[in-house]
Amino acid sequence: MKGRTIVLGQIGEQEAAALMVDGRLEDLLLDTDLPRPGTIYRAIADRPVKGQGGMFLRTPDGTAFVRQVKGVAPGQVLLVQVTGYAEPGKAIPVTTKVLFKSRYAIVTPEAPGLNVSRSVKDEGERDRILEIAHEVMEGSTFGLILRSACAGADEDDIADDVAAMRQLAEAVTADTAGEAETLVEGDGPHVLAWREWTEAADIVEDPDGFENLGVADALEDLRSPCSVLAGSATVWVEATRALVAVDVNTGGDTSPAAGLKANLAAARDLPRLLRLRGLGGQIVIDFAPLPKKDRRQVEGALRSAFRHDQTETTLVGWTGLGHYELHRKRDRIALSEVLA
């Protein structure tokens, strides 16, 4: 099956969306009963955490934790936004830097100015998009980022989207009085698919779409920590309580370049493997044996692969034992929790 296909379906009773590219599962969005990233609360400051510069907050969904806040007293009202999923037994991670994000626009109340995504290269197109933004945002003190999906999009669609985000941002930021309350629910998988998967694709809204288009088979394969790479190489991705361990093996390839080939293949596919499994936090990669002179090539492949991944990832570097470390934002629910 060639081309891009977006499949909107369900896993159990929860919404799910899958992106298939040339017959391979490329991305997966899942829903749970937990607070969704993007949810905005009117929260109440509870107590500070000494030594961490953070504070616990009261929200309608339980305790939240915000970092790097100063001058906030217990009982004070804060507008905060969920940034990811909490680890078991921990507070909901939130930030005071609230964003209002849609397909074409991101309204930034605390960062004024009108900006266009760097992905839009054509100067004429950038000017066209900015002209729309100036008209719709006139009189607002809020900032605006025009996303790459604006390139080639209809002017009315862009204007309507920007206007809707501006209106929502103005309403929410003005609603600062009262008890803890959910002001905006985070987007579910179907809306996220429309918002984030903006390249041309076929849309399938079939209750049996996951079965008929290979998504169910791919999910079954993801139950195993082992994925097969090009040739006979394999990569194992296993989550522990402390970190995610990634192990790269050459398999039956005994050629002199087997290690480098396996490591490059693993580096290129690692963002997809982590994305589909919903894994983040500290990640340690045990690459197949390779000489130090080849490390730069492997690291370059990692950087190139993660450059196109939407989840914030920091490439930390090599350890004394020859492992490679990175840190990835926990903005997705672990697949193991949904398929358990």
Protein backbone atom coordinates (compact mmCIF):
# COMPACT_ATOMS: atom_id res chain seq x y z
CA MET A 1 0.00 0.00 0.00
CA LYS A 2 1.72 3.15 -1.24
CA GLY A 3 1.20 6.69 -0.04
CA ARG A 4 0.04 8.25 3.22
CA THR A 5 -3.11 7.09 4.97
CA ILE A 6 -4.59 8.44 8.20
CA VAL A 7 -6.80 5.90 9.96
CA LEU A 8 -9.21 7.24 12.58
CA GLY A 9 -10.44 4.51 14.86
CA GLN A 10 -10.51 3.17 18.40
CA ILE A 11 -8.60 0.83 20.66
CA GLY A 12 -11.12 -0.59 23.07
CA GLU A 13 -13.34 2.30 24.15
CA GLN A 14 -10.71 4.98 23.52
CA GLU A 15 -10.04 7.10 20.44
CA ALA A 16 -6.93 6.32 18.40
CA ALA A 17 -5.41 7.56 15.16
CA ALA A 18 -2.72 5.92 13.04
CA LEU A 19 -0.53 7.27 10.24
CA MET A 20 0.52 4.68 7.67
CA VAL A 21 3.23 5.59 5.14
CA ASP A 22 3.78 3.12 2.29
CA GLY A 23 2.19 0.38 4.37
CA ARG A 24 4.31 0.97 7.49
CA LEU A 25 2.99 2.38 10.76
CA GLU A 26 4.74 5.75 11.10
CA ASP A 27 2.87 7.40 13.96
CA LEU A 28 0.22 6.56 16.51
CA LEU A 29 -1.96 8.74 18.74
CA LEU A 30 -3.76 7.20 21.70
CA ASP A 31 -6.26 8.42 24.25
CA THR A 32 -6.62 7.51 27.92
CA ASP A 33 -8.60 8.58 30.95
CA LEU A 34 -5.63 10.67 32.12
CA PRO A 35 -5.47 14.46 31.58
CA ARG A 36 -4.42 15.11 28.00
CA PRO A 37 -1.38 17.23 27.16
CA GLY A 38 -2.61 20.69 26.19
CA THR A 39 -5.30 20.76 28.88
CA ILE A 40 -5.46 24.19 30.56
CA TYR A 41 -6.36 24.56 34.23
CA ARG A 42 -7.11 27.41 36.53
CA ALA A 43 -5.02 25.94 39.35
CA ILE A 44 -4.45 26.90 42.96
CA ALA A 45 -0.91 27.07 44.34
CA ASP A 46 -0.53 24.62 47.22
CA ARG A 47 3.00 24.33 48.57
CA PRO A 48 6.50 25.00 47.26
CA VAL A 49 9.14 22.32 46.85
CA LYS A 50 12.33 23.52 48.51
CA GLY A 51 15.50 23.12 46.50
CA GLN A 52 13.67 22.46 43.20
CA GLY A 53 12.24 25.90 42.51
CA GLY A 54 8.85 24.34 41.87
CA MET A 55 5.41 24.17 43.45
CA PHE A 56 2.60 21.68 43.84
CA LEU A 57 -0.79 22.88 42.59
CA ARG A 58 -4.40 21.83 43.09
CA THR A 59 -6.34 21.03 39.92
CA PRO A 60 -9.69 19.30 39.25
CA ASP A 61 -7.72 16.21 38.15
CA GLY A 62 -5.45 16.01 41.19
CA THR A 63 -2.06 17.37 42.16
CA ALA A 64 0.09 19.06 39.51
CA PHE A 65 3.68 20.21 39.64
CA VAL A 66 5.13 23.31 37.99
CA ARG A 67 8.85 24.09 37.79
CA GLN A 68 10.71 27.36 37.98
CA VAL A 69 8.10 29.60 39.55
CA LYS A 70 9.12 32.46 41.83
CA GLY A 71 7.10 34.78 44.00
CA VAL A 72 4.00 32.55 44.03
CA ALA A 73 2.27 32.21 47.38
CA PRO A 74 0.06 29.33 48.51
CA GLY A 75 -3.54 30.01 47.52
CA GLN A 76 -2.61 32.07 44.47
CA VAL A 77 -4.43 31.35 41.20
CA LEU A 78 -2.34 30.27 38.20
CA LEU A 79 -3.19 29.42 34.60
CA VAL A 80 -1.24 26.30 33.68
CA GLN A 81 -1.12 23.82 30.82
CA VAL A 82 -0.43 20.07 30.93
CA THR A 83 2.85 19.30 29.15
CA GLY A 84 2.85 15.51 29.24
CA TYR A 85 1.77 12.38 31.06
CA ALA A 86 2.73 11.87 34.69
CA GLU A 87 4.80 8.90 35.70
CA PRO A 88 2.90 6.48 37.99
CA GLY A 89 2.54 8.01 41.44
CA LYS A 90 3.77 11.44 40.40
CA ALA A 91 2.03 14.79 39.91
CA ILE A 92 0.72 16.04 36.56
CA PRO A 93 3.50 18.04 34.83
CA VAL A 94 2.34 21.55 33.90
CA THR A 95 3.78 24.87 32.75
CA THR A 96 2.70 28.48 33.16
CA LYS A 97 3.66 29.19 29.52
CA VAL A 98 0.23 28.53 28.06
CA LEU A 99 -0.08 28.04 24.28
CA PHE A 100 -3.18 27.86 22.09
CA LYS A 101 -2.33 25.54 19.23
CA SER A 102 -4.25 24.57 16.11
CA ARG A 103 -3.51 23.38 12.56
CA TYR A 104 -2.35 26.74 11.22
CA ALA A 105 -1.66 28.88 14.26
CA ILE A 106 -0.14 28.96 17.73
CA VAL A 107 -1.17 31.93 19.87
CA THR A 108 1.44 32.81 22.50
CA PRO A 109 0.04 35.17 25.17
CA GLU A 110 3.42 35.71 26.86
CA ALA A 111 5.54 36.08 23.71
CA PRO A 112 4.38 39.00 21.52
CA GLY A 113 5.24 39.27 17.84
CA LEU A 114 4.11 37.64 14.60
CA ASN A 115 6.31 34.86 13.27
CA VAL A 116 6.20 32.34 10.42
CA SER A 117 7.60 28.80 10.65
CA ARG A 118 11.10 28.49 9.25
CA SER A 119 9.83 25.59 7.14
CA VAL A 120 8.06 28.10 4.91
CA LYS A 121 10.94 29.15 2.65
CA ASP A 122 9.22 31.07 -0.13
CA GLU A 123 9.35 34.82 0.65
CA GLY A 124 6.18 35.55 -1.30
CA GLU A 125 4.29 32.91 0.66
CA ARG A 126 5.67 34.20 3.95
CA ASP A 127 4.48 37.71 3.07
CA ARG A 128 1.02 36.40 2.14
CA ILE A 129 0.67 34.54 5.40
CA LEU A 130 1.92 37.45 7.50
CA GLU A 131 -0.54 39.77 5.82
CA ILE A 132 -3.40 37.54 6.98
CA ALA A 133 -1.96 37.42 10.49
CA HIS A 134 -1.59 41.20 10.77
CA GLU A 135 -5.21 41.68 9.77
CA VAL A 136 -6.65 39.08 12.17
CA MET A 137 -4.37 39.91 15.13
CA GLU A 138 -4.74 43.69 14.87
CA GLY A 139 -5.13 45.24 18.33
CA SER A 140 -3.97 42.13 20.20
CA THR A 141 -0.99 42.06 22.53
CA PHE A 142 -0.60 38.32 22.05
CA GLY A 143 2.03 36.72 19.87
CA LEU A 144 1.36 34.38 16.97
CA ILE A 145 3.31 31.64 15.23
CA LEU A 146 2.05 30.68 11.78
CA ARG A 147 2.76 27.00 11.27
CA SER A 148 4.19 25.29 8.21
CA ALA A 149 0.71 23.99 7.26
CA CYS A 150 -0.14 27.57 6.23
CA ALA A 151 1.99 27.21 3.08
CA GLY A 152 -0.43 26.94 0.19
CA ALA A 153 -3.50 26.90 2.45
CA ASP A 154 -6.66 28.87 1.71
CA GLU A 155 -6.61 32.41 3.13
CA ASP A 156 -10.04 32.07 4.73
CA ASP A 157 -9.05 28.79 6.42
CA ILE A 158 -5.95 30.41 7.90
CA ALA A 159 -7.83 33.54 8.98
CA ASP A 160 -10.62 31.53 10.62
CA ASP A 161 -8.13 29.35 12.47
CA VAL A 162 -6.12 32.33 13.75
CA ALA A 163 -9.28 34.15 14.79
CA ALA A 164 -10.57 31.10 16.68
CA MET A 165 -7.29 30.69 18.57
CA ARG A 166 -7.16 34.39 19.39
CA GLN A 167 -10.72 34.34 20.71
CA LEU A 168 -10.02 31.26 22.83
CA ALA A 169 -6.79 32.74 24.20
CA GLU A 170 -8.49 36.00 25.16
CA ALA A 171 -11.35 34.19 26.89
CA VAL A 172 -9.12 31.81 28.86
CA THR A 173 -6.50 34.33 29.97
CA ALA A 174 -9.27 36.59 31.28
CA ASP A 175 -10.82 33.77 33.35
CA THR A 176 -8.51 33.96 36.35
CA ALA A 177 -10.94 34.18 39.26
CA GLY A 178 -12.41 31.23 41.09
CA GLU A 179 -11.58 27.76 42.30
CA ALA A 180 -9.55 25.14 40.46
CA GLU A 181 -11.22 24.38 37.13
CA THR A 182 -10.52 22.83 33.74
CA LEU A 183 -10.76 25.68 31.22
CA VAL A 184 -9.70 23.86 28.05
CA GLU A 185 -9.57 20.12 27.38
CA GLY A 186 -6.54 18.88 25.48
CA ASP A 187 -7.14 17.63 21.95
CA GLY A 188 -7.95 13.96 21.43
CA PRO A 189 -6.26 11.71 18.83
CA HIS A 190 -8.63 12.52 15.95
CA VAL A 191 -8.23 16.28 16.37
CA LEU A 192 -4.49 15.89 16.91
CA ALA A 193 -4.25 13.95 13.65
CA TRP A 194 -5.93 16.84 11.80
CA ARG A 195 -3.71 19.34 13.62
CA GLU A 196 -0.32 17.65 13.29
CA TRP A 197 -0.42 15.34 10.24
CA THR A 198 -0.84 18.06 7.66
CA GLU A 199 0.73 16.49 4.56
CA ALA A 200 -1.66 15.19 1.91
CA ALA A 201 -3.12 11.83 2.90
CA ASP A 202 -6.14 9.59 2.43
CA ILE A 203 -8.48 9.69 5.44
CA VAL A 204 -10.13 6.45 6.55
CA GLU A 205 -12.92 6.58 9.15
CA ASP A 206 -13.84 2.92 9.21
CA PRO A 207 -14.53 0.99 12.44
CA ASP A 208 -12.55 -1.88 10.89
CA GLY A 209 -9.82 0.36 9.48
CA PHE A 210 -7.18 -0.74 11.99
CA GLU A 211 -7.78 -4.38 11.05
CA ASN A 212 -8.07 -3.88 7.30
CA LEU A 213 -5.10 -1.56 6.82
CA GLY A 214 -2.48 -3.34 8.90
CA VAL A 215 -2.54 -1.13 12.00
CA ALA A 216 -3.68 -3.95 14.28
CA ASP A 217 -0.87 -6.20 13.04
CA ALA A 218 1.69 -3.45 13.63
CA LEU A 219 0.36 -2.92 17.17
CA GLU A 220 0.68 -6.63 17.86
CA ASP A 221 4.31 -6.53 16.68
CA LEU A 222 4.96 -3.60 19.05
CA ARG A 223 4.09 -5.81 22.02
CA SER A 224 7.55 -7.29 21.52
CA PRO A 225 10.53 -5.14 22.52
CA CYS A 226 12.43 -6.43 19.47
CA SER A 227 12.22 -4.80 16.03
CA VAL A 228 13.97 -6.08 12.91
CA LEU A 229 16.15 -3.62 10.99
CA ALA A 230 17.61 -3.82 7.50
CA GLY A 231 19.34 -7.12 6.91
CA SER A 232 19.40 -9.35 9.98
CA ALA A 233 20.09 -6.60 12.54
CA THR A 234 17.71 -6.05 15.44
CA VAL A 235 17.05 -3.34 17.99
CA TRP A 236 15.51 -3.98 21.41
CA VAL A 237 13.63 -1.15 23.13
CA GLU A 238 12.73 -1.90 26.74
CA ALA A 239 11.40 0.45 29.42
CA THR A 240 12.54 0.05 33.01
CA ARG A 241 11.47 2.11 36.01
CA ALA A 242 14.57 4.30 35.76
CA LEU A 243 15.16 4.58 32.00
CA VAL A 244 14.56 3.21 28.52
CA ALA A 245 17.25 0.76 27.39
CA VAL A 246 17.98 0.36 23.67
CA ASP A 247 20.19 -2.50 22.51
CA VAL A 248 21.41 -2.81 18.91
CA ASN A 249 22.56 -6.19 17.56
CA THR A 250 24.07 -7.17 14.20
CA GLY A 251 22.28 -10.51 14.05
CA GLY A 252 23.80 -12.98 11.60
CA ASP A 253 25.82 -10.37 9.70
CA THR A 254 29.54 -11.04 10.28
CA SER A 255 30.93 -8.62 7.70
CA PRO A 256 33.49 -6.00 8.85
CA ALA A 257 30.91 -3.22 8.44
CA ALA A 258 28.09 -5.07 10.24
CA GLY A 259 28.25 -2.94 13.38
CA LEU A 260 28.20 0.37 11.55
CA LYS A 261 25.35 -0.70 9.26
CA ALA A 262 23.23 -1.91 12.20
CA ASN A 263 23.91 1.22 14.23
CA LEU A 264 23.05 3.58 11.37
CA ALA A 265 19.81 1.69 10.69
CA ALA A 266 18.89 1.82 14.39
CA ALA A 267 19.69 5.54 14.63
CA ARG A 268 17.45 6.35 11.66
CA ASP A 269 14.51 4.32 12.98
CA LEU A 270 14.81 5.11 16.69
CA PRO A 271 12.50 8.19 16.72
CA ARG A 272 9.72 6.11 15.15
CA LEU A 273 10.24 3.20 17.55
CA LEU A 274 10.10 5.48 20.60
CA ARG A 275 7.16 7.45 19.18
CA LEU A 276 5.05 4.35 18.51
CA ARG A 277 5.76 2.93 21.96
CA GLY A 278 5.09 6.28 23.64
CA LEU A 279 8.40 6.20 25.49
CA GLY A 280 10.33 9.13 26.93
CA GLY A 281 12.51 10.19 29.82
CA GLN A 282 16.13 9.02 30.07
CA ILE A 283 17.17 6.78 27.18
CA VAL A 284 20.44 4.83 27.02
CA ILE A 285 21.55 3.21 23.73
CA ASP A 286 23.96 0.29 23.70
CA PHE A 287 25.08 0.36 20.07
CA ALA A 288 26.64 -2.64 18.38
CA PRO A 289 30.45 -2.62 18.68
CA LEU A 290 32.04 0.06 16.54
CA PRO A 291 35.39 1.87 16.54
CA LYS A 292 35.50 5.38 17.98
CA LYS A 293 36.24 6.81 14.53
CA ASP A 294 32.71 5.80 13.44
CA ARG A 295 30.95 7.45 16.38
CA ARG A 296 30.66 10.79 14.59
CA GLN A 297 28.80 9.16 11.69
CA VAL A 298 26.36 7.39 14.02
CA GLU A 299 25.77 10.56 16.02
CA GLY A 300 25.12 12.48 12.80
CA ALA A 301 22.47 9.90 11.82
CA LEU A 302 20.84 10.34 15.24
CA ARG A 303 20.77 14.11 14.95
CA SER A 304 19.30 13.96 11.46
CA ALA A 305 16.60 11.49 12.55
CA PHE A 306 15.48 13.44 15.62
CA ARG A 307 15.58 16.77 13.78
CA HIS A 308 12.36 15.77 12.01
CA ASP A 309 10.66 14.41 15.14
CA GLN A 310 8.13 16.64 16.88
CA THR A 311 8.83 15.47 20.42
CA GLU A 312 11.45 17.55 22.22
CA THR A 313 14.60 15.40 22.49
CA THR A 314 18.03 16.30 23.84
CA LEU A 315 21.00 14.33 22.53
CA VAL A 316 23.36 14.21 25.50
CA GLY A 317 26.31 12.24 24.15
CA TRP A 318 28.59 9.27 24.72
CA THR A 319 29.35 7.80 28.14
CA GLY A 320 32.61 6.38 29.40
CA LEU A 321 31.26 2.87 28.73
CA GLY A 322 30.54 3.70 25.10
CA HIS A 323 26.76 4.06 25.47
CA TYR A 324 24.86 6.99 24.03
CA GLU A 325 22.42 8.98 26.19
CA LEU A 326 19.48 11.16 25.29
CA HIS A 327 16.50 12.64 27.07
CA ARG A 328 13.03 12.77 25.56
CA LYS A 329 9.93 14.62 26.71
CA ARG A 330 7.15 12.40 28.06
CA ASP A 331 4.36 13.81 25.89
CA ARG A 332 2.70 10.48 25.08
CA ILE A 333 1.16 7.63 26.99
CA ALA A 334 3.14 4.39 26.93
CA LEU A 335 1.64 1.90 24.46
CA SER A 336 2.09 -0.86 27.03
CA GLU A 337 -0.40 0.88 29.32
CA VAL A 338 -3.05 0.99 26.58
CA LEU A 339 -2.56 -2.55 25.27
CA ALA A 340 -2.18 -4.14 28.73
